[in-house]
Every structure is written in C-alpha cells, then in structure tokens.
N, C-alpha and C. Protein backbone atom coordinates (compact mmCIF):
# COMPACT_ATOMS: atom_id res chain seq x y z
N MET A 1 0.16 -13.60 17.07
CA MET A 1 0.17 -13.54 16.00
C MET A 1 0.11 -15.16 15.16
N SER A 2 -0.97 -15.25 14.07
CA SER A 2 -0.90 -16.58 13.91
C SER A 2 0.08 -16.74 12.50
N ASP A 3 0.42 -18.00 12.12
CA ASP A 3 1.35 -18.44 11.52
C ASP A 3 1.33 -18.36 10.06
N LEU A 4 -0.48 -18.20 9.67
CA LEU A 4 -0.70 -17.97 8.42
C LEU A 4 -0.17 -16.51 7.64
N THR A 5 0.55 -16.70 6.82
CA THR A 5 0.71 -15.79 5.75
C THR A 5 -0.31 -14.57 6.23
N VAL A 6 0.03 -12.97 5.76
CA VAL A 6 -0.59 -12.10 5.70
C VAL A 6 -1.47 -11.98 4.32
N ILE A 7 -0.31 -12.75 3.09
CA ILE A 7 -1.59 -12.85 1.59
C ILE A 7 -2.49 -13.74 1.87
N ALA A 8 -1.99 -15.14 2.62
CA ALA A 8 -3.62 -15.99 2.58
C ALA A 8 -4.34 -15.20 3.58
N ARG A 9 -4.29 -14.61 4.98
CA ARG A 9 -5.48 -13.90 5.72
C ARG A 9 -5.89 -12.96 5.13
N LEU A 10 -5.62 -12.06 3.77
CA LEU A 10 -6.09 -11.16 3.08
C LEU A 10 -7.34 -11.74 1.87
N GLY A 11 -6.93 -13.03 1.83
CA GLY A 11 -7.51 -13.95 0.60
C GLY A 11 -7.93 -13.66 -0.82
N GLU A 12 -9.64 -13.52 -0.63
CA GLU A 12 -10.14 -12.78 -1.50
C GLU A 12 -10.43 -11.44 -1.82
N LYS A 13 -9.69 -10.58 -0.79
CA LYS A 13 -9.81 -9.33 -0.78
C LYS A 13 -8.47 -8.62 -1.78
N LEU A 14 -7.56 -9.77 -2.12
CA LEU A 14 -6.62 -9.62 -3.09
C LEU A 14 -7.09 -9.91 -4.22
N LEU A 15 -7.30 -8.71 -5.15
CA LEU A 15 -7.49 -8.77 -6.74
C LEU A 15 -6.81 -8.58 -8.13
N SER A 16 -7.15 -9.05 -8.54
CA SER A 16 -6.05 -8.55 -9.98
C SER A 16 -4.81 -8.63 -10.28
N PRO A 17 -4.56 -9.98 -9.24
CA PRO A 17 -2.70 -9.79 -9.25
C PRO A 17 -1.72 -9.98 -10.39
N THR A 18 -0.93 -9.08 -10.50
CA THR A 18 0.15 -9.19 -11.65
C THR A 18 1.15 -9.91 -10.98
N PHE A 19 1.19 -10.10 -9.89
CA PHE A 19 2.18 -11.12 -8.98
C PHE A 19 1.76 -11.59 -7.69
N SER A 20 1.93 -12.48 -7.17
CA SER A 20 1.52 -13.48 -6.14
C SER A 20 2.68 -14.88 -5.81
N GLY A 21 3.15 -14.57 -4.59
CA GLY A 21 4.00 -15.68 -4.46
C GLY A 21 5.07 -15.52 -3.81
N ALA A 22 5.79 -16.94 -3.37
CA ALA A 22 7.37 -16.38 -2.44
C ALA A 22 8.19 -15.16 -3.02
N THR A 23 9.17 -14.33 -2.94
CA THR A 23 9.87 -13.97 -3.33
C THR A 23 11.17 -14.64 -3.11
N GLN A 24 12.03 -14.09 -3.32
CA GLN A 24 13.69 -14.55 -3.36
C GLN A 24 13.99 -14.64 -1.66
N LYS A 25 13.96 -13.87 -1.12
CA LYS A 25 13.95 -13.98 0.20
C LYS A 25 12.84 -15.33 0.95
N ALA A 26 13.74 -15.85 1.54
CA ALA A 26 13.11 -17.15 2.55
C ALA A 26 12.42 -16.39 3.22
N GLY A 27 11.14 -17.08 3.39
CA GLY A 27 9.89 -16.71 4.18
C GLY A 27 8.63 -15.52 3.82
N ARG A 28 9.10 -14.78 2.81
CA ARG A 28 8.88 -13.39 2.60
C ARG A 28 7.92 -13.64 1.47
N TYR A 29 6.63 -13.25 1.66
CA TYR A 29 5.33 -13.40 0.20
C TYR A 29 5.07 -12.16 -0.14
N GLY A 30 5.26 -11.84 -1.37
CA GLY A 30 4.63 -10.55 -1.89
C GLY A 30 3.73 -10.73 -3.13
N PHE A 31 3.25 -9.79 -3.37
CA PHE A 31 1.70 -9.38 -3.89
C PHE A 31 1.88 -7.96 -4.64
N ARG A 32 1.55 -8.06 -5.92
CA ARG A 32 1.17 -7.18 -6.76
C ARG A 32 -0.14 -7.04 -7.25
N GLY A 33 -1.32 -6.19 -7.28
CA GLY A 33 -2.55 -5.90 -8.12
C GLY A 33 -3.28 -4.61 -7.05
N ASP A 34 -4.91 -5.15 -6.87
CA ASP A 34 -5.84 -4.74 -5.69
C ASP A 34 -6.10 -4.68 -4.82
N LEU A 35 -6.40 -4.39 -3.78
CA LEU A 35 -6.98 -4.66 -2.34
C LEU A 35 -8.32 -3.74 -2.00
N GLY A 36 -9.30 -5.16 -2.22
CA GLY A 36 -10.96 -4.62 -1.78
C GLY A 36 -10.85 -4.28 -0.42
N LEU A 37 -11.28 -3.11 -0.30
CA LEU A 37 -11.45 -2.40 1.48
C LEU A 37 -13.00 -2.91 1.81
N ARG A 38 -13.79 -2.52 0.63
CA ARG A 38 -14.99 -2.39 1.28
C ARG A 38 -16.15 -3.29 0.03
N PHE A 39 -16.72 -4.07 0.57
CA PHE A 39 -17.71 -4.97 -0.31
C PHE A 39 -18.82 -5.19 -0.13
N PRO A 40 -19.72 -4.82 -0.97
CA PRO A 40 -21.47 -4.78 -1.25
C PRO A 40 -21.50 -5.79 -0.85
N PRO A 41 -23.29 -6.12 0.03
CA PRO A 41 -23.86 -7.35 0.40
C PRO A 41 -23.95 -8.39 -1.13
N SER A 42 -23.46 -9.52 -0.79
CA SER A 42 -23.09 -10.68 -2.20
C SER A 42 -24.82 -10.83 -2.07
N VAL A 43 -25.42 -10.82 -2.77
CA VAL A 43 -26.43 -11.59 -2.91
C VAL A 43 -26.90 -13.19 -3.82
N ALA A 44 -27.44 -13.77 -3.61
CA ALA A 44 -26.80 -15.05 -4.26
C ALA A 44 -26.02 -15.46 -4.46
N GLY A 45 -25.00 -15.27 -3.42
CA GLY A 45 -23.58 -16.11 -3.59
C GLY A 45 -22.73 -15.43 -4.50
N GLU A 46 -23.35 -14.35 -5.41
CA GLU A 46 -22.41 -13.60 -6.29
C GLU A 46 -21.14 -13.28 -6.24
N ALA A 47 -20.30 -13.13 -6.84
CA ALA A 47 -18.92 -12.31 -6.35
C ALA A 47 -18.98 -10.59 -6.70
N ARG A 48 -19.08 -9.74 -6.13
CA ARG A 48 -19.55 -8.37 -6.58
C ARG A 48 -18.11 -7.51 -6.17
N PRO A 49 -18.03 -6.70 -7.49
CA PRO A 49 -16.57 -5.68 -7.01
C PRO A 49 -17.02 -4.93 -5.73
N PRO A 50 -15.45 -4.56 -5.51
CA PRO A 50 -15.25 -3.58 -4.25
C PRO A 50 -16.22 -2.42 -4.64
N GLU A 51 -16.88 -2.00 -3.25
CA GLU A 51 -17.22 -0.39 -3.58
C GLU A 51 -16.15 0.69 -3.56
N ILE A 52 -15.15 0.21 -2.50
CA ILE A 52 -13.75 0.90 -2.04
C ILE A 52 -12.61 -0.33 -2.17
N LYS A 53 -11.17 0.13 -3.32
CA LYS A 53 -10.21 -0.61 -3.24
C LYS A 53 -9.16 0.20 -3.22
N ALA A 54 -8.04 -0.17 -2.47
CA ALA A 54 -7.04 0.33 -3.01
C ALA A 54 -6.28 -0.38 -4.04
N ASP A 55 -5.62 0.55 -5.10
CA ASP A 55 -5.40 -0.03 -6.22
C ASP A 55 -3.71 0.38 -5.99
N GLN A 56 -2.99 -0.36 -7.48
CA GLN A 56 -1.59 -0.53 -7.07
C GLN A 56 -0.49 -1.05 -6.38
N VAL A 57 -1.32 -2.00 -5.43
CA VAL A 57 -1.13 -2.11 -4.14
C VAL A 57 0.09 -3.24 -4.61
N ILE A 58 1.10 -2.79 -3.60
CA ILE A 58 2.41 -3.85 -3.52
C ILE A 58 2.83 -4.22 -2.27
N LEU A 59 2.43 -5.17 -1.84
CA LEU A 59 2.71 -5.78 -0.65
C LEU A 59 3.71 -6.83 -0.54
N ALA A 60 4.34 -6.69 0.87
CA ALA A 60 5.05 -7.96 1.46
C ALA A 60 5.03 -8.72 2.59
N GLY A 61 5.00 -9.81 2.58
CA GLY A 61 4.19 -10.30 3.94
C GLY A 61 5.65 -11.08 4.39
N GLU A 62 5.81 -11.03 5.97
CA GLU A 62 6.92 -12.35 6.33
C GLU A 62 5.73 -12.77 7.57
N GLY A 63 5.54 -13.95 7.44
CA GLY A 63 5.27 -14.99 8.47
C GLY A 63 3.44 -14.27 8.18
N GLY A 64 3.14 -13.91 9.83
CA GLY A 64 2.11 -13.41 10.09
C GLY A 64 1.59 -12.03 9.62
N ALA A 65 2.42 -11.52 9.48
CA ALA A 65 2.91 -9.54 9.93
C ALA A 65 3.47 -9.04 8.55
N ALA A 66 2.51 -7.96 7.61
CA ALA A 66 2.90 -7.24 6.48
C ALA A 66 4.29 -6.67 6.75
N SER A 67 5.19 -6.80 6.25
CA SER A 67 6.50 -5.82 6.45
C SER A 67 6.42 -4.91 5.76
N PHE A 68 5.63 -4.51 4.47
CA PHE A 68 5.27 -3.48 3.65
C PHE A 68 4.61 -3.54 2.15
N PHE A 69 4.01 -2.41 2.48
CA PHE A 69 2.81 -2.34 2.29
C PHE A 69 2.77 -0.47 1.25
N ALA A 70 2.22 -0.73 0.05
CA ALA A 70 1.89 0.65 -0.68
C ALA A 70 1.03 0.73 -1.66
N GLY A 71 -0.07 1.82 -1.75
CA GLY A 71 -0.83 1.50 -2.36
C GLY A 71 -1.47 3.28 -2.32
N HIS A 72 -2.67 3.07 -3.73
CA HIS A 72 -3.42 4.20 -3.92
C HIS A 72 -4.87 4.01 -3.27
N VAL A 73 -5.04 5.08 -2.59
CA VAL A 73 -6.52 5.07 -1.97
C VAL A 73 -7.24 6.63 -2.81
N ASP A 74 -8.70 6.52 -3.26
CA ASP A 74 -8.96 8.06 -3.97
C ASP A 74 -9.17 9.19 -2.50
N SER A 75 -9.26 8.15 -1.36
CA SER A 75 -9.26 9.05 -0.32
C SER A 75 -8.29 8.99 1.44
N LEU A 76 -7.52 9.88 1.56
CA LEU A 76 -7.09 9.58 2.59
C LEU A 76 -7.98 9.08 3.81
N ALA A 77 -9.40 9.37 3.97
CA ALA A 77 -10.23 8.94 4.73
C ALA A 77 -10.06 7.46 4.54
N HIS A 78 -9.69 6.51 3.38
CA HIS A 78 -9.97 5.26 3.44
C HIS A 78 -8.84 4.35 4.35
N LEU A 79 -7.70 5.40 4.63
CA LEU A 79 -6.58 4.36 5.61
C LEU A 79 -7.32 4.04 6.64
N GLU A 80 -8.15 4.28 7.16
CA GLU A 80 -8.82 3.39 8.24
C GLU A 80 -9.67 1.90 7.31
N LEU A 81 -9.93 2.15 6.48
CA LEU A 81 -10.12 0.27 5.94
C LEU A 81 -9.25 -0.78 5.82
N ILE A 82 -7.86 0.32 5.48
CA ILE A 82 -6.60 -0.08 5.52
C ILE A 82 -6.10 -0.76 6.42
N VAL A 83 -6.70 -0.42 7.21
CA VAL A 83 -5.97 -0.77 8.80
C VAL A 83 -7.11 -2.03 9.15
N ASP A 84 -8.18 -1.62 8.70
CA ASP A 84 -9.16 -2.93 9.26
C ASP A 84 -9.12 -3.98 8.04
N ALA A 85 -8.63 -4.01 7.55
CA ALA A 85 -8.27 -4.97 6.27
C ALA A 85 -7.30 -5.63 6.60
N PHE A 86 -5.80 -5.49 7.57
CA PHE A 86 -4.88 -5.98 7.89
C PHE A 86 -4.97 -6.16 9.13
N GLY A 87 -5.64 -5.62 9.94
CA GLY A 87 -6.16 -5.97 11.57
C GLY A 87 -4.61 -6.07 12.30
N PRO A 88 -4.08 -7.02 12.62
CA PRO A 88 -3.07 -7.40 13.66
C PRO A 88 -1.75 -7.57 12.76
N ALA A 89 -2.10 -7.86 11.48
CA ALA A 89 -0.99 -7.92 10.67
C ALA A 89 -0.03 -6.95 10.10
N LEU A 90 -0.66 -5.16 10.33
CA LEU A 90 0.44 -3.92 10.51
C LEU A 90 1.26 -4.23 12.00
N VAL A 91 2.27 -3.79 11.48
CA VAL A 91 3.21 -4.20 12.79
C VAL A 91 3.95 -2.74 13.07
N PRO A 92 4.75 -2.05 14.44
CA PRO A 92 5.35 -1.00 14.33
C PRO A 92 6.48 -0.84 13.36
N LYS A 93 7.46 -1.94 13.06
CA LYS A 93 8.46 -2.06 12.47
C LYS A 93 8.43 -1.83 10.85
N GLY A 94 7.11 -2.34 10.34
CA GLY A 94 6.94 -2.02 9.03
C GLY A 94 6.55 -1.07 8.40
N LYS A 95 6.67 -1.03 6.93
CA LYS A 95 6.97 0.39 6.06
C LYS A 95 5.68 0.23 5.37
N TYR A 96 4.72 1.33 5.83
CA TYR A 96 3.92 1.36 4.80
C TYR A 96 3.28 2.95 4.41
N PHE A 97 3.25 2.65 3.21
CA PHE A 97 3.25 4.37 2.31
C PHE A 97 1.72 4.39 1.27
N VAL A 98 1.29 5.36 2.01
CA VAL A 98 -0.48 5.09 1.01
C VAL A 98 -0.22 6.78 0.24
N PHE A 99 -1.07 6.70 -1.18
CA PHE A 99 -0.91 7.79 -1.71
C PHE A 99 -2.20 8.02 -2.04
N ALA A 100 -2.89 9.15 -1.76
CA ALA A 100 -4.08 9.53 -1.11
C ALA A 100 -4.09 10.30 -2.43
N GLY A 101 -5.51 9.77 -3.88
CA GLY A 101 -5.98 11.23 -4.38
C GLY A 101 -6.64 12.42 -4.06
N ASN A 102 -6.76 12.26 -2.95
CA ASN A 102 -7.01 13.72 -2.45
C ASN A 102 -6.29 14.78 -1.35
N VAL A 103 -4.50 14.29 -1.27
CA VAL A 103 -3.82 14.85 -0.55
C VAL A 103 -3.03 16.15 -1.75
N ASP A 104 -3.08 17.09 -1.03
CA ASP A 104 -2.64 18.60 -1.31
C ASP A 104 -1.15 18.21 -2.25
N PHE A 105 -0.42 18.63 -3.47
CA PHE A 105 0.58 18.38 -3.46
C PHE A 105 1.85 18.17 -3.32
N ALA A 106 2.17 19.69 -2.27
CA ALA A 106 2.66 20.32 -1.65
C ALA A 106 2.67 19.55 -0.15
N LYS A 107 1.82 18.76 0.29
CA LYS A 107 2.31 17.92 1.60
C LYS A 107 2.36 16.70 1.29
N ARG A 108 3.19 16.63 2.36
CA ARG A 108 3.70 15.02 2.62
C ARG A 108 3.35 14.68 3.93
N TYR A 109 3.06 13.88 4.99
CA TYR A 109 2.39 13.46 6.20
C TYR A 109 3.18 11.90 6.84
N LYS A 110 3.27 11.85 8.27
CA LYS A 110 3.76 10.92 8.62
C LYS A 110 2.73 10.47 9.35
N VAL A 111 1.55 9.89 9.45
CA VAL A 111 0.08 9.37 10.39
C VAL A 111 0.48 8.53 10.99
N GLU A 112 0.10 8.26 12.17
CA GLU A 112 -0.35 6.98 12.83
C GLU A 112 -1.58 6.37 12.96
N ALA A 113 -2.00 5.31 12.48
CA ALA A 113 -3.30 4.68 12.33
C ALA A 113 -2.99 3.31 12.91
N GLY A 114 -3.92 2.83 13.73
CA GLY A 114 -3.94 1.38 14.25
C GLY A 114 -2.75 1.41 14.76
N GLY A 115 -1.95 2.25 15.47
CA GLY A 115 -0.77 1.96 16.41
C GLY A 115 0.12 1.90 15.04
N VAL A 116 0.40 2.05 14.07
CA VAL A 116 1.68 1.97 13.18
C VAL A 116 1.75 3.22 12.33
N PRO A 117 3.05 3.81 12.31
CA PRO A 117 3.02 4.77 10.85
C PRO A 117 2.93 4.53 9.66
N PHE A 118 2.21 5.70 9.02
CA PHE A 118 2.15 5.74 7.82
C PHE A 118 2.72 6.66 7.17
N TYR A 119 3.60 6.78 5.88
CA TYR A 119 3.69 7.67 5.05
C TYR A 119 2.56 7.83 4.17
N VAL A 120 2.24 9.18 4.12
CA VAL A 120 0.87 9.48 3.46
C VAL A 120 1.40 10.88 2.13
N LEU A 121 1.31 10.23 0.51
CA LEU A 121 1.81 11.16 -0.30
C LEU A 121 0.46 11.32 -1.26
N PRO A 122 1.01 12.68 -1.77
CA PRO A 122 -0.15 12.49 -2.83
C PRO A 122 0.50 11.60 -4.52
N LEU A 123 -0.39 11.47 -5.38
CA LEU A 123 0.23 10.75 -6.04
C LEU A 123 0.82 11.60 -7.67
N ASP A 124 1.78 11.88 -7.59
CA ASP A 124 2.14 12.91 -8.59
C ASP A 124 2.16 12.22 -10.11
N GLU A 125 3.06 11.20 -10.30
CA GLU A 125 3.80 10.41 -11.04
C GLU A 125 2.52 9.89 -11.86
N ALA A 126 1.40 9.24 -11.54
CA ALA A 126 0.53 8.71 -11.73
C ALA A 126 0.75 7.12 -11.62
N THR A 127 1.84 6.35 -11.22
CA THR A 127 1.53 5.11 -10.60
C THR A 127 2.46 5.01 -9.18
N VAL A 128 1.95 4.15 -8.46
CA VAL A 128 2.86 3.93 -6.95
C VAL A 128 4.41 3.65 -7.34
N TRP A 129 4.38 2.72 -8.42
CA TRP A 129 5.74 2.11 -8.84
C TRP A 129 6.36 3.29 -8.72
N ASN A 130 6.13 4.45 -9.99
CA ASN A 130 7.28 5.08 -10.30
C ASN A 130 7.44 6.17 -9.00
N GLU A 131 6.25 6.38 -8.26
CA GLU A 131 6.67 7.20 -6.89
C GLU A 131 7.57 6.48 -6.15
N LEU A 132 7.66 5.14 -5.80
CA LEU A 132 8.37 4.62 -4.86
C LEU A 132 9.61 4.53 -5.43
N LEU A 133 10.00 4.33 -6.52
CA LEU A 133 11.40 4.48 -7.53
C LEU A 133 11.94 5.44 -6.99
N ASP A 134 10.94 6.89 -7.20
CA ASP A 134 11.96 7.77 -7.05
C ASP A 134 12.13 8.36 -5.45
N LEU A 135 11.49 7.91 -4.87
CA LEU A 135 11.13 8.11 -2.93
C LEU A 135 12.50 7.39 -2.72
N PHE A 136 13.31 6.40 -3.66
CA PHE A 136 13.85 5.45 -2.69
C PHE A 136 14.96 5.66 -3.74
N TYR A 137 15.25 6.43 -4.47
CA TYR A 137 15.93 6.82 -5.67
C TYR A 137 17.18 5.13 -5.96
N LEU A 138 15.73 4.47 -6.45
CA LEU A 138 16.16 3.62 -7.52
C LEU A 138 15.96 3.86 -8.73
N ASP A 139 16.51 3.27 -9.45
CA ASP A 139 17.07 2.96 -10.73
C ASP A 139 15.84 2.33 -11.72
N ARG A 140 15.26 3.31 -11.98
CA ARG A 140 14.43 2.58 -12.95
C ARG A 140 15.04 1.02 -13.77
N SER A 141 15.61 1.67 -15.09
CA SER A 141 16.75 0.30 -15.76
C SER A 141 16.96 -0.79 -15.27
N ASP A 142 17.60 -0.54 -13.86
CA ASP A 142 18.18 -1.59 -13.14
C ASP A 142 16.82 -2.50 -12.49
N MET A 143 15.63 -1.97 -12.28
CA MET A 143 14.53 -2.40 -11.62
C MET A 143 13.50 -3.59 -13.14
N LYS A 144 13.77 -2.65 -13.79
CA LYS A 144 13.56 -3.71 -15.19
C LYS A 144 14.18 -4.94 -15.58
N ARG A 145 15.42 -5.08 -14.96
CA ARG A 145 15.99 -6.20 -15.36
C ARG A 145 15.43 -7.32 -14.47
N LEU A 146 14.92 -7.22 -13.08
CA LEU A 146 14.64 -7.76 -12.40
C LEU A 146 13.45 -8.41 -12.38
N SER A 147 13.24 -9.92 -11.82
CA SER A 147 12.26 -10.98 -11.97
C SER A 147 10.97 -10.09 -10.93
N SER A 148 9.99 -10.26 -10.74
CA SER A 148 8.94 -9.62 -10.18
C SER A 148 9.15 -9.99 -8.66
N GLU A 149 9.21 -11.13 -8.06
CA GLU A 149 10.42 -11.77 -6.99
C GLU A 149 10.69 -10.63 -6.22
N ALA A 150 12.08 -10.45 -7.22
CA ALA A 150 13.20 -9.59 -6.97
C ALA A 150 12.63 -8.07 -6.96
N LYS A 151 11.50 -7.68 -7.52
CA LYS A 151 11.45 -5.91 -7.83
C LYS A 151 10.94 -6.12 -6.36
N VAL A 152 9.80 -6.82 -5.88
CA VAL A 152 9.30 -6.83 -4.02
C VAL A 152 10.37 -6.69 -3.58
N ASP A 153 11.42 -7.87 -3.09
CA ASP A 153 11.99 -7.57 -2.36
C ASP A 153 13.16 -6.17 -2.50
N SER A 154 13.65 -5.52 -3.46
CA SER A 154 14.25 -4.73 -3.78
C SER A 154 13.37 -3.34 -3.22
N LEU A 155 12.15 -2.85 -3.24
CA LEU A 155 11.73 -2.01 -2.75
C LEU A 155 11.58 -2.43 -1.14
N VAL A 156 11.34 -3.44 -0.46
CA VAL A 156 11.13 -3.44 0.84
C VAL A 156 12.39 -3.55 1.48
N ALA A 157 13.59 -3.80 0.79
CA ALA A 157 14.94 -3.25 0.92
C ALA A 157 15.32 -1.68 1.46
N ALA A 158 14.41 -0.91 -0.50
CA ALA A 158 15.16 0.24 0.02
C ALA A 158 13.79 0.64 1.01
N ALA A 159 12.18 0.27 1.55
CA ALA A 159 11.60 0.87 2.22
C ALA A 159 13.01 0.47 3.87
N GLU A 160 13.16 -0.18 3.61
CA GLU A 160 13.92 -0.77 5.51
C GLU A 160 14.87 0.56 6.16
N ALA A 161 15.79 0.66 4.56
CA ALA A 161 16.79 1.71 4.75
C ALA A 161 16.21 3.45 4.61
N PHE A 162 14.73 3.65 4.12
CA PHE A 162 14.29 4.82 4.36
C PHE A 162 13.98 5.55 5.31
N THR A 163 14.22 6.60 5.93
CA THR A 163 14.08 7.05 7.44
C THR A 163 12.84 8.14 7.42
N GLY A 164 12.24 8.47 6.64
CA GLY A 164 11.16 9.22 6.39
C GLY A 164 11.37 10.74 6.77
N ALA A 165 12.76 11.74 6.33
CA ALA A 165 13.27 12.72 6.87
C ALA A 165 11.95 13.36 5.51
N GLY A 166 11.65 14.50 5.68
CA GLY A 166 10.73 15.23 5.33
C GLY A 166 9.12 15.04 5.09
N PHE A 167 9.10 14.00 6.21
CA PHE A 167 7.66 13.69 6.27
C PHE A 167 7.27 14.08 7.71
N PRO A 168 6.65 15.46 7.98
CA PRO A 168 6.22 15.99 9.44
C PRO A 168 5.46 15.06 10.17
N GLU A 169 5.45 14.67 11.56
CA GLU A 169 4.52 13.81 12.12
C GLU A 169 3.38 14.32 12.26
N THR A 170 2.16 14.23 11.72
CA THR A 170 1.00 14.61 12.06
C THR A 170 -0.03 13.96 12.30
N PRO A 171 -1.23 14.26 13.06
CA PRO A 171 -2.00 13.58 13.86
C PRO A 171 -3.27 12.91 12.44
N TYR A 172 -3.45 12.04 12.71
CA TYR A 172 -4.18 11.55 11.45
C TYR A 172 -5.21 12.49 11.37
N ALA A 173 -6.25 12.91 12.21
CA ALA A 173 -6.89 13.66 12.33
C ALA A 173 -6.76 15.17 11.66
N THR A 174 -6.17 15.66 11.90
CA THR A 174 -5.34 16.85 11.41
C THR A 174 -5.16 16.73 9.73
N ALA A 175 -4.26 15.29 9.27
CA ALA A 175 -4.31 14.97 8.04
C ALA A 175 -5.80 15.06 7.33
N VAL A 176 -6.79 14.49 7.98
CA VAL A 176 -7.88 14.30 7.11
C VAL A 176 -8.55 15.96 7.19
N ALA A 177 -8.35 16.16 8.03
CA ALA A 177 -9.26 17.68 7.82
C ALA A 177 -8.75 18.77 6.39
N GLU A 178 -6.81 18.47 6.43
CA GLU A 178 -6.73 19.33 5.52
C GLU A 178 -6.88 18.73 3.98
N MET A 179 -7.30 17.35 3.80
CA MET A 179 -7.48 17.31 2.67
C MET A 179 -8.55 17.51 2.05
N GLY A 180 -8.31 17.32 0.42
CA GLY A 180 -9.35 18.06 -0.42
C GLY A 180 -10.41 17.30 -1.32
N PRO A 181 -10.59 17.43 -2.09
CA PRO A 181 -11.81 16.96 -2.55
C PRO A 181 -11.29 15.56 -3.02
N VAL A 182 -11.67 14.73 -3.71
CA VAL A 182 -11.10 13.37 -4.57
C VAL A 182 -10.89 14.05 -5.66
N LYS A 183 -9.40 13.74 -6.37
CA LYS A 183 -9.60 14.10 -7.62
C LYS A 183 -8.70 12.74 -8.47
N VAL A 184 -9.74 12.52 -9.56
CA VAL A 184 -9.50 11.35 -10.47
C VAL A 184 -8.72 12.03 -11.55
N PRO A 185 -7.54 12.23 -12.11
CA PRO A 185 -6.68 12.48 -13.25
C PRO A 185 -7.20 11.02 -14.41
N ASP A 186 -7.28 12.52 -15.42
CA ASP A 186 -7.64 11.65 -16.73
C ASP A 186 -6.65 10.88 -16.97
N ASN A 187 -6.64 10.21 -17.40
CA ASN A 187 -5.76 8.84 -18.63
C ASN A 187 -4.80 8.35 -17.39
N ARG A 188 -5.35 8.14 -15.84
CA ARG A 188 -4.76 7.21 -14.89
C ARG A 188 -4.38 5.55 -15.43
N PRO A 189 -2.99 5.61 -15.14
CA PRO A 189 -2.92 4.00 -15.07
C PRO A 189 -3.93 3.34 -14.66
N VAL A 190 -4.47 2.12 -14.68
CA VAL A 190 -5.06 1.81 -13.62
C VAL A 190 -4.44 0.18 -13.59
C-alpha cells in the first residue's frame, strides 16, 4: 500500500469539506463532507457534479488506509461504488458504516464487500452524525465542545470499541435483495 494518505488518494472525489486535515492523533487525517462516487463525462474540461455521491461523510485515514468511514447513500447498491472509490485503502480492521436510504428501518446488517466488513443501517435521525453518536453512546453536549479534529478522533476511538452486536452477518446479495425503493425524506439536512 502506498504511503499516500487516503485523503490525498481520493483527491477530487472529496467534495464540500467542512473539515479536511490532520487530526490530533499523529499520522491521522480526517475529512467531513461529501464523496463523489460516479461522475458524468467531462465536456471541454469543465467540472461537473457527481451523478451519485455519498453525503454526510466522516472519514479518517492513517497512511494509505481508511481506518474509519461513515456516510449516507441513497441506495445500498451504491456500496459497490464506495468500495471502488477506496480500493485497497479499505482494510479488514477498519470500521465502516453505511447509512442507506432504502434499508428498512427495522433492519441492520453486517455485510462484506470488497473483502471488508461494513455495518449497514437505515438513516433514522436524519444525520449520520447523530446516528453515530447514538450508536456509540456518545454525549452530544460533550462532543459539541470539541474541535473538528477531536470530533473525528472521538468517533474513531468509539468505533474501534464497537463490537457490532445486533448486526447479523448477512451476505451482501441478500441485503441488496431485501432493500426497498429509495426514500428521500422531506427536509433532510444536506
């Protein structure tokens, strides 16, 4: 694996950053924003918005590996695009969370894609951030006091301690077969 950070490798696919840079842990880089997954062909060199993206992305990379990823996609079928975007930066010991807009609210999965485990959930509370705080039992008021760098580090630390209890291991093909139509709730934060 290259010494190039995963943030640098993703480059122009990382969009609308609210945070991008080194965290407080040495050698870790963080990002919050959107991740373009599929782009239309460029005409005359113009930049075009992605056709498919993961939004509300929180990402941590250490060296060439993505140690943490969380984000929302409209369809669970877009997980394959996430795997393609990251390539070898996804590692089996990393913690990856995908909130899909077409997963039944009563379902949770642990699926393997690209040789790595992903925790798949519906987006109940409208934001990936709030869902992760609830999932990891982190106090919102404590997190508000932290810097952007420390927030990413806190999520990564909580994810490392996360055991995945309550997430049945499910073949990816089965989870995709069970997904419903894409839901786009009104007034969802962007």
